[in-house]
PDB file of N, CA and C in Angstrom:
ATOM      1  N   MET A   1      63.958 120.715 137.444  1.00  0.00           N
ATOM      2  CA  MET A   1      65.248 121.272 137.122  1.00  0.00           C
ATOM      3  C   MET A   1      66.362 120.578 137.910  1.00  0.00           C
ATOM      4  N   LEU A   2      66.070 120.209 139.130  1.00  0.00           N
ATOM      5  CA  LEU A   2      67.053 119.529 139.965  1.00  0.00           C
ATOM      6  C   LEU A   2      67.447 118.182 139.374  1.00  0.00           C
ATOM      7  N   GLU A   3      66.478 117.500 138.786  1.00  0.00           N
ATOM      8  CA  GLU A   3      66.770 116.198 138.180  1.00  0.00           C
ATOM      9  C   GLU A   3      67.747 116.346 137.027  1.00  0.00           C
ATOM     10  N   LEU A   4      67.573 117.390 136.222  1.00  0.00           N
ATOM     11  CA  LEU A   4      68.470 117.638 135.098  1.00  0.00           C
ATOM     12  C   LEU A   4      69.882 117.941 135.586  1.00  0.00           C
ATOM     13  N   ALA A   5      69.985 118.703 136.662  1.00  0.00           N
ATOM     14  CA  ALA A   5      71.299 119.041 137.216  1.00  0.00           C
ATOM     15  C   ALA A   5      72.007 117.815 137.768  1.00  0.00           C
ATOM     16  N   LEU A   6      71.276 116.845 138.236  1.00  0.00           N
ATOM     17  CA  LEU A   6      71.883 115.618 138.751  1.00  0.00           C
ATOM     18  C   LEU A   6      72.261 114.631 137.643  1.00  0.00           C
ATOM     19  N   ILE A   7      71.456 114.555 136.612  1.00  0.00           N
ATOM     20  CA  ILE A   7      71.646 113.561 135.563  1.00  0.00           C
ATOM     21  C   ILE A   7      72.556 114.053 134.436  1.00  0.00           C
ATOM     22  N   LEU A   8      72.558 115.349 134.146  1.00  0.00           N
ATOM     23  CA  LEU A   8      73.314 115.882 133.018  1.00  0.00           C
ATOM     24  C   LEU A   8      74.820 115.561 133.072  1.00  0.00           C
ATOM     25  N   PRO A   9      75.506 115.730 134.199  1.00  0.00           N
ATOM     26  CA  PRO A   9      76.933 115.367 134.209  1.00  0.00           C
ATOM     27  C   PRO A   9      77.187 113.893 133.897  1.00  0.00           C
ATOM     28  N   ILE A  10      76.323 113.035 134.384  1.00  0.00           N
ATOM     29  CA  ILE A  10      76.481 111.602 134.113  1.00  0.00           C
ATOM     30  C   ILE A  10      76.279 111.319 132.631  1.00  0.00           C
ATOM     31  N   LEU A  11      75.288 111.957 132.027  1.00  0.00           N
ATOM     32  CA  LEU A  11      75.046 111.763 130.597  1.00  0.00           C
ATOM     33  C   LEU A  11      76.189 112.309 129.749  1.00  0.00           C
ATOM     34  N   ILE A  12      76.757 113.432 130.144  1.00  0.00           N
ATOM     35  CA  ILE A  12      77.883 114.001 129.398  1.00  0.00           C
ATOM     36  C   ILE A  12      79.101 113.084 129.499  1.00  0.00           C
ATOM     37  N   ILE A  13      79.379 112.568 130.702  1.00  0.00           N
ATOM     38  CA  ILE A  13      80.499 111.634 130.864  1.00  0.00           C
ATOM     39  C   ILE A  13      80.273 110.391 130.014  1.00  0.00           C
ATOM     40  N   LEU A  14      79.069 109.873 129.996  1.00  0.00           N
ATOM     41  CA  LEU A  14      78.747 108.696 129.199  1.00  0.00           C
ATOM     42  C   LEU A  14      78.905 108.971 127.705  1.00  0.00           C
ATOM     43  N   LEU A  15      78.421 110.109 127.248  1.00  0.00           N
ATOM     44  CA  LEU A  15      78.525 110.459 125.833  1.00  0.00           C
ATOM     45  C   LEU A  15      79.984 110.643 125.409  1.00  0.00           C
ATOM     46  N   VAL A  16      80.745 111.389 126.184  1.00  0.00           N
ATOM     47  CA  VAL A  16      82.160 111.597 125.849  1.00  0.00           C
ATOM     48  C   VAL A  16      82.934 110.283 125.951  1.00  0.00           C
ATOM     49  N   GLY A  17      82.575 109.433 126.895  1.00  0.00           N
ATOM     50  CA  GLY A  17      83.222 108.129 127.017  1.00  0.00           C
ATOM     51  C   GLY A  17      82.986 107.261 125.800  1.00  0.00           C
ATOM     52  N   ILE A  18      81.772 107.257 125.289  1.00  0.00           N
ATOM     53  CA  ILE A  18      81.475 106.490 124.076  1.00  0.00           C
ATOM     54  C   ILE A  18      82.281 107.027 122.903  1.00  0.00           C
ATOM     55  N   ILE A  19      82.366 108.339 122.777  1.00  0.00           N
ATOM     56  CA  ILE A  19      83.140 108.945 121.687  1.00  0.00           C
ATOM     57  C   ILE A  19      84.623 108.616 121.824  1.00  0.00           C
ATOM     58  N   GLU A  20      85.167 108.675 123.033  1.00  0.00           N
ATOM     59  CA  GLU A  20      86.590 108.383 123.257  1.00  0.00           C
ATOM     60  C   GLU A  20      86.922 106.917 122.974  1.00  0.00           C
ATOM     61  N   PHE A  21      86.068 106.004 123.400  1.00  0.00           N
ATOM     62  CA  PHE A  21      86.321 104.594 123.114  1.00  0.00           C
ATOM     63  C   PHE A  21      86.216 104.312 121.620  1.00  0.00           C
ATOM     64  N   GLY A  22      85.321 105.006 120.922  1.00  0.00           N
ATOM     65  CA  GLY A  22      85.253 104.881 119.468  1.00  0.00           C
ATOM     66  C   GLY A  22      86.513 105.400 118.798  1.00  0.00           C
ATOM     67  N   ALA A  23      87.048 106.505 119.304  1.00  0.00           N
ATOM     68  CA  ALA A  23      88.291 107.052 118.757  1.00  0.00           C
ATOM     69  C   ALA A  23      89.463 106.111 119.033  1.00  0.00           C
ATOM     70  N   ALA A  24      89.490 105.492 120.215  1.00  0.00           N
ATOM     71  CA  ALA A  24      90.557 104.535 120.529  1.00  0.00           C
ATOM     72  C   ALA A  24      90.471 103.311 119.627  1.00  0.00           C
ATOM     73  N   TYR A  25      89.267 102.843 119.353  1.00  0.00           N
ATOM     74  CA  TYR A  25      89.092 101.695 118.453  1.00  0.00           C
ATOM     75  C   TYR A  25      89.520 102.058 117.031  1.00  0.00           C
ATOM     76  N   ASN A  26      89.194 103.260 116.580  1.00  0.00           N
ATOM     77  CA  ASN A  26      89.630 103.730 115.270  1.00  0.00           C
ATOM     78  C   ASN A  26      91.153 103.790 115.212  1.00  0.00           C
ATOM     79  N   HIS A  27      91.770 104.250 116.278  1.00  0.00           N
ATOM     80  CA  HIS A  27      93.227 104.320 116.355  1.00  0.00           C
ATOM     81  C   HIS A  27      93.835 102.912 116.279  1.00  0.00           C
ATOM     82  N   GLN A  28      93.221 101.949 116.952  1.00  0.00           N
ATOM     83  CA  GLN A  28      93.690 100.562 116.906  1.00  0.00           C
ATOM     84  C   GLN A  28      93.608 100.006 115.486  1.00  0.00           C
ATOM     85  N   ILE A  29      92.529 100.307 114.784  1.00  0.00           N
ATOM     86  CA  ILE A  29      92.372  99.844 113.405  1.00  0.00           C
ATOM     87  C   ILE A  29      93.444 100.464 112.509  1.00  0.00           C
ATOM     88  N   GLN A  30      93.772 101.738 112.725  1.00  0.00           N
ATOM     89  CA  GLN A  30      94.808 102.396 111.931  1.00  0.00           C
ATOM     90  C   GLN A  30      96.174 101.763 112.143  1.00  0.00           C
ATOM     91  N   ILE A  31      96.546 101.482 113.383  1.00  0.00           N
ATOM     92  CA  ILE A  31      97.870 100.895 113.599  1.00  0.00           C
ATOM     93  C   ILE A  31      97.904  99.438 113.162  1.00  0.00           C
ATOM     94  N   GLN A  32      96.750  98.748 113.162  1.00  0.00           N
ATOM     95  CA  GLN A  32      96.709  97.377 112.637  1.00  0.00           C
ATOM     96  C   GLN A  32      96.957  97.387 111.131  1.00  0.00           C
ATOM     97  N   GLY A  33      96.357  98.331 110.432  1.00  0.00           N
ATOM     98  CA  GLY A  33      96.610  98.457 108.997  1.00  0.00           C
ATOM     99  C   GLY A  33      98.051  98.835 108.705  1.00  0.00           C
ATOM    100  N   ALA A  34      98.613  99.692 109.527  1.00  0.00           N
ATOM    101  CA  ALA A  34     100.011 100.080 109.343  1.00  0.00           C
ATOM    102  C   ALA A  34     100.940  98.899 109.594  1.00  0.00           C
ATOM    103  N   ALA A  35     100.644  98.082 110.598  1.00  0.00           N
ATOM    104  CA  ALA A  35     101.453  96.889 110.859  1.00  0.00           C
ATOM    105  C   ALA A  35     101.358  95.913 109.694  1.00  0.00           C
ATOM    106  N   ARG A  36     100.187  95.780 109.115  1.00  0.00           N
ATOM    107  CA  ARG A  36     100.003  94.892 107.957  1.00  0.00           C
ATOM    108  C   ARG A  36     100.818  95.385 106.764  1.00  0.00           C
ATOM    109  N   GLU A  37     100.797  96.697 106.531  1.00  0.00           N
ATOM    110  CA  GLU A  37     101.601  97.249 105.431  1.00  0.00           C
ATOM    111  C   GLU A  37     103.098  97.044 105.683  1.00  0.00           C
ATOM    112  N   GLY A  38     103.528  97.224 106.935  1.00  0.00           N
ATOM    113  CA  GLY A  38     104.933  97.016 107.272  1.00  0.00           C
ATOM    114  C   GLY A  38     105.352  95.573 107.089  1.00  0.00           C
ATOM    115  N   ALA A  39     104.501  94.622 107.476  1.00  0.00           N
ATOM    116  CA  ALA A  39     104.824  93.203 107.306  1.00  0.00           C
ATOM    117  C   ALA A  39     104.875  92.829 105.832  1.00  0.00           C
ATOM    118  N   ARG A  40     103.982  93.398 105.045  1.00  0.00           N
ATOM    119  CA  ARG A  40     104.002  93.121 103.607  1.00  0.00           C
ATOM    120  C   ARG A  40     105.291  93.638 102.982  1.00  0.00           C
ATOM    121  N   ALA A  41     105.697  94.853 103.350  1.00  0.00           N
ATOM    122  CA  ALA A  41     106.936  95.418 102.810  1.00  0.00           C
ATOM    123  C   ALA A  41     108.144  94.612 103.270  1.00  0.00           C
ATOM    124  N   LEU A  42     108.174  94.211 104.526  1.00  0.00           N
ATOM    125  CA  LEU A  42     109.306  93.449 105.056  1.00  0.00           C
ATOM    126  C   LEU A  42     109.400  92.075 104.398  1.00  0.00           C
ATOM    127  N   ALA A  43     108.264  91.458 104.121  1.00  0.00           N
ATOM    128  CA  ALA A  43     108.267  90.154 103.452  1.00  0.00           C
ATOM    129  C   ALA A  43     108.789  90.254 102.033  1.00  0.00           C
ATOM    130  N   LEU A  44     108.644  91.436 101.433  1.00  0.00           N
ATOM    131  CA  LEU A  44     109.139  91.648 100.071  1.00  0.00           C
ATOM    132  C   LEU A  44     110.553  92.221 100.045  1.00  0.00           C
ATOM    133  N   GLY A  45     111.177  92.350 101.225  1.00  0.00           N
ATOM    134  CA  GLY A  45     112.555  92.825 101.302  1.00  0.00           C
ATOM    135  C   GLY A  45     112.701  94.329 101.333  1.00  0.00           C
ATOM    136  N   GLN A  46     111.625  95.044 101.618  1.00  0.00           N
ATOM    137  CA  GLN A  46     111.677  96.502 101.678  1.00  0.00           C
ATOM    138  C   GLN A  46     111.748  96.959 103.127  1.00  0.00           C
ATOM    139  N   ASN A  47     111.800  98.263 103.334  1.00  0.00           N
ATOM    140  CA  ASN A  47     111.902  98.834 104.666  1.00  0.00           C
ATOM    141  C   ASN A  47     110.517  98.878 105.320  1.00  0.00           C
ATOM    142  N   ALA A  48     110.389  98.214 106.469  1.00  0.00           N
ATOM    143  CA  ALA A  48     109.094  98.146 107.148  1.00  0.00           C
ATOM    144  C   ALA A  48     108.719  99.475 107.785  1.00  0.00           C
ATOM    145  N   SER A  49     109.681 100.193 108.339  1.00  0.00           N
ATOM    146  CA  SER A  49     109.373 101.459 109.010  1.00  0.00           C
ATOM    147  C   SER A  49     108.822 102.479 108.033  1.00  0.00           C
ATOM    148  N   THR A  50     109.356 102.518 106.828  1.00  0.00           N
ATOM    149  CA  THR A  50     108.855 103.433 105.808  1.00  0.00           C
ATOM    150  C   THR A  50     107.423 103.084 105.429  1.00  0.00           C
ATOM    151  N   ALA A  51     107.131 101.800 105.309  1.00  0.00           N
ATOM    152  CA  ALA A  51     105.773 101.377 104.957  1.00  0.00           C
ATOM    153  C   ALA A  51     104.790 101.687 106.072  1.00  0.00           C
ATOM    154  N   VAL A  52     105.215 101.498 107.311  1.00  0.00           N
ATOM    155  CA  VAL A  52     104.343 101.823 108.451  1.00  0.00           C
ATOM    156  C   VAL A  52     104.041 103.314 108.470  1.00  0.00           C
ATOM    157  N   CYS A  53     105.070 104.133 108.287  1.00  0.00           N
ATOM    158  CA  CYS A  53     104.873 105.587 108.309  1.00  0.00           C
ATOM    159  C   CYS A  53     104.027 106.078 107.142  1.00  0.00           C
ATOM    160  N   SER A  54     104.117 105.410 106.001  1.00  0.00           N
ATOM    161  CA  SER A  54     103.299 105.835 104.862  1.00  0.00           C
ATOM    162  C   SER A  54     101.825 105.497 105.090  1.00  0.00           C
ATOM    163  N   ALA A  55     101.541 104.522 105.943  1.00  0.00           N
ATOM    164  CA  ALA A  55     100.155 104.163 106.232  1.00  0.00           C
ATOM    165  C   ALA A  55      99.542 105.046 107.323  1.00  0.00           C
ATOM    166  N   LEU A  56     100.379 105.793 108.035  1.00  0.00           N
ATOM    167  CA  LEU A  56      99.905 106.657 109.120  1.00  0.00           C
ATOM    168  C   LEU A  56     100.111 108.123 108.763  1.00  0.00           C
ATOM    169  N   SER A  57      99.502 108.997 109.531  1.00  0.00           N
ATOM    170  CA  SER A  57      99.739 110.428 109.338  1.00  0.00           C
ATOM    171  C   SER A  57     101.131 110.776 109.851  1.00  0.00           C
ATOM    172  N   ALA A  58     101.621 111.938 109.467  1.00  0.00           N
ATOM    173  CA  ALA A  58     102.980 112.341 109.850  1.00  0.00           C
ATOM    174  C   ALA A  58     103.108 112.511 111.362  1.00  0.00           C
ATOM    175  N   SER A  59     102.095 113.064 112.004  1.00  0.00           N
ATOM    176  CA  SER A  59     102.168 113.247 113.455  1.00  0.00           C
ATOM    177  C   SER A  59     102.102 111.908 114.180  1.00  0.00           C
ATOM    178  N   GLU A  60     101.334 110.985 113.660  1.00  0.00           N
ATOM    179  CA  GLU A  60     101.232 109.665 114.281  1.00  0.00           C
ATOM    180  C   GLU A  60     102.488 108.842 114.051  1.00  0.00           C
ATOM    181  N   CYS A  61     103.125 109.031 112.934  1.00  0.00           N
ATOM    182  CA  CYS A  61     104.353 108.284 112.622  1.00  0.00           C
ATOM    183  C   CYS A  61     105.447 108.587 113.638  1.00  0.00           C
ATOM    184  N   ALA A  62     105.483 109.804 114.129  1.00  0.00           N
ATOM    185  CA  ALA A  62     106.514 110.171 115.108  1.00  0.00           C
ATOM    186  C   ALA A  62     106.244 109.555 116.474  1.00  0.00           C
ATOM    187  N   ARG A  63     105.009 109.116 116.743  1.00  0.00           N
ATOM    188  CA  ARG A  63     104.662 108.588 118.065  1.00  0.00           C
ATOM    189  C   ARG A  63     104.648 107.075 118.158  1.00  0.00           C
ATOM    190  N   VAL A  64     104.793 106.353 117.050  1.00  0.00           N
ATOM    191  CA  VAL A  64     104.725 104.893 117.099  1.00  0.00           C
ATOM    192  C   VAL A  64     106.111 104.279 117.232  1.00  0.00           C
ATOM    193  N   ASN A  65     106.144 103.090 117.800  1.00  0.00           N
ATOM    194  CA  ASN A  65     107.362 102.292 117.868  1.00  0.00           C
ATOM    195  C   ASN A  65     107.152 101.063 117.000  1.00  0.00           C
ATOM    196  N   VAL A  66     108.135 100.790 116.143  1.00  0.00           N
ATOM    197  CA  VAL A  66     108.040  99.664 115.224  1.00  0.00           C
ATOM    198  C   VAL A  66     109.139  98.670 115.566  1.00  0.00           C
ATOM    199  N   SER A  67     108.747  97.432 115.837  1.00  0.00           N
ATOM    200  CA  SER A  67     109.731  96.366 115.999  1.00  0.00           C
ATOM    201  C   SER A  67     109.462  95.333 114.910  1.00  0.00           C
ATOM    202  N   GLN A  68     110.518  94.727 114.409  1.00  0.00           N
ATOM    203  CA  GLN A  68     110.353  93.848 113.260  1.00  0.00           C
ATOM    204  C   GLN A  68     111.277  92.638 113.347  1.00  0.00           C
ATOM    205  N   THR A  69     110.827  91.558 112.745  1.00  0.00           N
ATOM    206  CA  THR A  69     111.624  90.355 112.580  1.00  0.00           C
ATOM    207  C   THR A  69     111.666  90.083 111.093  1.00  0.00           C
ATOM    208  N   ALA A  70     112.825  90.278 110.492  1.00  0.00           N
ATOM    209  CA  ALA A  70     112.957  90.175 109.042  1.00  0.00           C
ATOM    210  C   ALA A  70     113.015  88.719 108.593  1.00  0.00           C
ATOM    211  N   CYS A  71     112.837  88.546 107.303  1.00  0.00           N
ATOM    212  CA  CYS A  71     112.941  87.224 106.702  1.00  0.00           C
ATOM    213  C   CYS A  71     114.401  86.773 106.714  1.00  0.00           C
ATOM    214  N   PRO A  72     114.642  85.494 106.925  1.00  0.00           N
ATOM    215  CA  PRO A  72     116.020  85.018 106.826  1.00  0.00           C
ATOM    216  C   PRO A  72     116.508  85.119 105.384  1.00  0.00           C
ATOM    217  N   SER A  73     117.789  85.306 105.218  1.00  0.00           N
ATOM    218  CA  SER A  73     118.327  85.437 103.861  1.00  0.00           C
ATOM    219  C   SER A  73     118.162  84.124 103.115  1.00  0.00           C
ATOM    220  N   GLY A  74     117.830  84.236 101.839  1.00  0.00           N
ATOM    221  CA  GLY A  74     117.659  83.061 100.997  1.00  0.00           C
ATOM    222  C   GLY A  74     116.286  82.426 101.112  1.00  0.00           C
ATOM    223  N   SER A  75     115.325  83.080 101.737  1.00  0.00           N
ATOM    224  CA  SER A  75     113.992  82.481 101.849  1.00  0.00           C
ATOM    225  C   SER A  75     113.271  82.602 100.510  1.00  0.00           C
ATOM    226  N   THR A  76     112.514  81.600 100.183  1.00  0.00           N
ATOM    227  CA  THR A  76     111.754  81.582  98.929  1.00  0.00           C
ATOM    228  C   THR A  76     110.278  81.562  99.245  1.00  0.00           C
ATOM    229  N   SER A  77     109.472  81.608  98.214  1.00  0.00           N
ATOM    230  CA  SER A  77     108.028  81.637  98.423  1.00  0.00           C
ATOM    231  C   SER A  77     107.506  80.309  98.969  1.00  0.00           C
ATOM    232  N   THR A  78     108.270  79.241  98.872  1.00  0.00           N
ATOM    233  CA  THR A  78     107.823  77.954  99.395  1.00  0.00           C
ATOM    234  C   THR A  78     108.289  77.723 100.825  1.00  0.00           C
ATOM    235  N   SER A  79     109.082  78.636 101.374  1.00  0.00           N
ATOM    236  CA  SER A  79     109.562  78.458 102.744  1.00  0.00           C
ATOM    237  C   SER A  79     108.465  78.815 103.735  1.00  0.00           C
ATOM    238  N   THR A  80     108.674  78.440 104.976  1.00  0.00           N
ATOM    239  CA  THR A  80     107.696  78.749 106.016  1.00  0.00           C
ATOM    240  C   THR A  80     108.205  79.860 106.927  1.00  0.00           C
ATOM    241  N   ALA A  81     109.116  80.679 106.439  1.00  0.00           N
ATOM    242  CA  ALA A  81     109.625  81.807 107.215  1.00  0.00           C
ATOM    243  C   ALA A  81     108.629  82.961 107.116  1.00  0.00           C
ATOM    244  N   TYR A  82     108.553  83.723 108.194  1.00  0.00           N
ATOM    245  CA  TYR A  82     107.600  84.824 108.252  1.00  0.00           C
ATOM    246  C   TYR A  82     108.291  86.122 108.652  1.00  0.00           C
ATOM    247  N   ALA A  83     107.800  87.215 108.094  1.00  0.00           N
ATOM    248  CA  ALA A  83     108.216  88.558 108.493  1.00  0.00           C
ATOM    249  C   ALA A  83     107.158  89.064 109.468  1.00  0.00           C
ATOM    250  N   THR A  84     107.601  89.562 110.606  1.00  0.00           N
ATOM    251  CA  THR A  84     106.676  90.018 111.642  1.00  0.00           C
ATOM    252  C   THR A  84     106.967  91.473 111.986  1.00  0.00           C
ATOM    253  N   VAL A  85     105.921  92.269 112.055  1.00  0.00           N
ATOM    254  CA  VAL A  85     106.033  93.678 112.432  1.00  0.00           C
ATOM    255  C   VAL A  85     105.052  93.948 113.567  1.00  0.00           C
ATOM    256  N   THR A  86     105.545  94.583 114.622  1.00  0.00           N
ATOM    257  CA  THR A  86     104.712  94.979 115.755  1.00  0.00           C
ATOM    258  C   THR A  86     104.774  96.496 115.892  1.00  0.00           C
ATOM    259  N   VAL A  87     103.606  97.119 115.937  1.00  0.00           N
ATOM    260  CA  VAL A  87     103.500  98.573 116.078  1.00  0.00           C
ATOM    261  C   VAL A  87     102.837  98.853 117.421  1.00  0.00           C
ATOM    262  N   THR A  88     103.477  99.687 118.238  1.00  0.00           N
ATOM    263  CA  THR A  88     102.898 100.080 119.524  1.00  0.00           C
ATOM    264  C   THR A  88     102.844 101.598 119.620  1.00  0.00           C
ATOM    265  N   THR A  89     101.830 102.081 120.297  1.00  0.00           N
ATOM    266  CA  THR A  89     101.669 103.509 120.541  1.00  0.00           C
ATOM    267  C   THR A  89     100.833 103.702 121.803  1.00  0.00           C
ATOM    268  N   ASP A  90     100.912 104.865 122.371  1.00  0.00           N
ATOM    269  CA  ASP A  90     100.135 105.186 123.570  1.00  0.00           C
ATOM    270  C   ASP A  90      98.919 106.019 123.186  1.00  0.00           C
ATOM    271  N   TYR A  91      97.809 105.751 123.851  1.00  0.00           N
ATOM    272  CA  TYR A  91      96.585 106.507 123.624  1.00  0.00           C
ATOM    273  C   TYR A  91      96.077 107.009 124.970  1.00  0.00           C
ATOM    274  N   THR A  92      95.816 108.302 125.056  1.00  0.00           N
ATOM    275  CA  THR A  92      95.336 108.909 126.292  1.00  0.00           C
ATOM    276  C   THR A  92      93.842 109.189 126.179  1.00  0.00           C
ATOM    277  N   PHE A  93      93.095 108.665 127.126  1.00  0.00           N
ATOM    278  CA  PHE A  93      91.649 108.910 127.164  1.00  0.00           C
ATOM    279  C   PHE A  93      91.391 110.247 127.844  1.00  0.00           C
ATOM    280  N   ASN A  94      90.595 111.095 127.205  1.00  0.00           N
ATOM    281  CA  ASN A  94      90.262 112.422 127.738  1.00  0.00           C
ATOM    282  C   ASN A  94      88.774 112.494 128.045  1.00  0.00           C
ATOM    283  N   ILE A  95      88.388 111.876 129.150  1.00  0.00           N
ATOM    284  CA  ILE A  95      86.991 111.874 129.577  1.00  0.00           C
ATOM    285  C   ILE A  95      86.886 112.798 130.785  1.00  0.00           C
ATOM    286  N   PRO A  96      85.989 113.787 130.741  1.00  0.00           N
ATOM    287  CA  PRO A  96      85.902 114.725 131.866  1.00  0.00           C
ATOM    288  C   PRO A  96      85.469 114.027 133.162  1.00  0.00           C
ATOM    289  N   PHE A  97      86.082 114.425 134.252  1.00  0.00           N
ATOM    290  CA  PHE A  97      85.802 113.930 135.599  1.00  0.00           C
ATOM    291  C   PHE A  97      86.153 112.461 135.802  1.00  0.00           C
ATOM    292  N   LEU A  98      86.803 111.842 134.825  1.00  0.00           N
ATOM    293  CA  LEU A  98      87.138 110.425 134.915  1.00  0.00           C
ATOM    294  C   LEU A  98      88.529 110.232 134.338  1.00  0.00           C
ATOM    295  N   SER A  99      89.447 109.740 135.131  1.00  0.00           N
ATOM    296  CA  SER A  99      90.821 109.579 134.675  1.00  0.00           C
ATOM    297  C   SER A  99      91.101 108.107 134.374  1.00  0.00           C
ATOM    298  N   LEU A 100      91.208 107.793 133.093  1.00  0.00           N
ATOM    299  CA  LEU A 100      91.577 106.437 132.688  1.00  0.00           C
ATOM    300  C   LEU A 100      93.051 106.348 132.342  1.00  0.00           C
ATOM    301  N   GLY A 101      93.710 107.494 132.231  1.00  0.00           N
ATOM    302  CA  GLY A 101      95.143 107.511 131.967  1.00  0.00           C
ATOM    303  C   GLY A 101      95.475 107.175 130.524  1.00  0.00           C
ATOM    304  N   THR A 102      96.680 106.659 130.354  1.00  0.00           N
ATOM    305  CA  THR A 102      97.201 106.327 129.033  1.00  0.00           C
ATOM    306  C   THR A 102      97.291 104.814 128.894  1.00  0.00           C
ATOM    307  N   LYS A 103      96.801 104.300 127.793  1.00  0.00           N
ATOM    308  CA  LYS A 103      96.844 102.870 127.507  1.00  0.00           C
ATOM    309  C   LYS A 103      97.737 102.633 126.297  1.00  0.00           C
ATOM    310  N   THR A 104      98.427 101.522 126.286  1.00  0.00           N
ATOM    311  CA  THR A 104      99.287 101.156 125.169  1.00  0.00           C
ATOM    312  C   THR A 104      98.496 100.295 124.190  1.00  0.00           C
ATOM    313  N   LEU A 105      98.456 100.730 122.940  1.00  0.00           N
ATOM    314  CA  LEU A 105      97.802  99.969 121.881  1.00  0.00           C
ATOM    315  C   LEU A 105      98.879  99.245 121.080  1.00  0.00           C
ATOM    316  N   THR A 106      98.659  97.971 120.805  1.00  0.00           N
ATOM    317  CA  THR A 106      99.643  97.157 120.100  1.00  0.00           C
ATOM    318  C   THR A 106      98.960  96.431 118.955  1.00  0.00           C
ATOM    319  N   ALA A 107      99.641  96.389 117.810  1.00  0.00           N
ATOM    320  CA  ALA A 107      99.149  95.630 116.660  1.00  0.00           C
ATOM    321  C   ALA A 107     100.313  94.849 116.068  1.00  0.00           C
ATOM    322  N   THR A 108     100.084  93.582 115.767  1.00  0.00           N
ATOM    323  CA  THR A 108     101.106  92.726 115.189  1.00  0.00           C
ATOM    324  C   THR A 108     100.578  92.125 113.896  1.00  0.00           C
ATOM    325  N   ALA A 109     101.428  92.104 112.881  1.00  0.00           N
ATOM    326  CA  ALA A 109     101.073  91.490 111.603  1.00  0.00           C
ATOM    327  C   ALA A 109     102.209  90.572 111.170  1.00  0.00           C
ATOM    328  N   ARG A 110     101.855  89.517 110.470  1.00  0.00           N
ATOM    329  CA  ARG A 110     102.837  88.522 110.036  1.00  0.00           C
ATOM    330  C   ARG A 110     102.507  88.101 108.615  1.00  0.00           C
ATOM    331  N   MET A 111     103.533  88.075 107.754  1.00  0.00           N
ATOM    332  CA  MET A 111     103.359  87.651 106.369  1.00  0.00           C
ATOM    333  C   MET A 111     104.454  86.661 105.991  1.00  0.00           C
ATOM    334  N   ARG A 112     104.106  85.742 105.125  1.00  0.00           N
ATOM    335  CA  ARG A 112     105.090  84.769 104.677  1.00  0.00           C
ATOM    336  C   ARG A 112     106.104  85.443 103.768  1.00  0.00           C
ATOM    337  N   CYS A 113     107.351  85.077 103.920  1.00  0.00           N
ATOM    338  CA  CYS A 113     108.432  85.715 103.173  1.00  0.00           C
ATOM    339  C   CYS A 113     108.406  85.345 101.693  1.00  0.00           C
ATOM    340  N   GLY A 114     108.748  86.303 100.862  1.00  0.00           N
ATOM    341  CA  GLY A 114     108.933  86.069  99.448  1.00  0.00           C
ATOM    342  C   GLY A 114     107.691  86.082  98.603  1.00  0.00           C
ATOM    343  N   LEU A 115     106.556  86.459  99.150  1.00  0.00           N
ATOM    344  CA  LEU A 115     105.341  86.486  98.326  1.00  0.00           C
ATOM    345  C   LEU A 115     105.202  87.777  97.590  1.00  0.00           C
TER     346      LEU A 115
END
């Protein structure tokens, strides 16, 4: 019984840590997809922030920061100009007995203008 009492907290921390890192990776994939949608919209001359928010949930949309570099005016599909969207958000790890704090997740997407 003593062995279980010594090992169980370590196993619980390990299990919750694996789940939290999986959730953080899922969150990174979501903001990468949102950045891609924003870059696609910006390359087509639409609003990137609206496209980013439509790719995320409503609660997540309020927590992200979107920075963008729009296409220069008069760009055509043969130009080498690019629309760039960067999405950043904070993710807090909630692992018992272990404080990893809050990490900033960043995703950047770039699309050629006028496609």
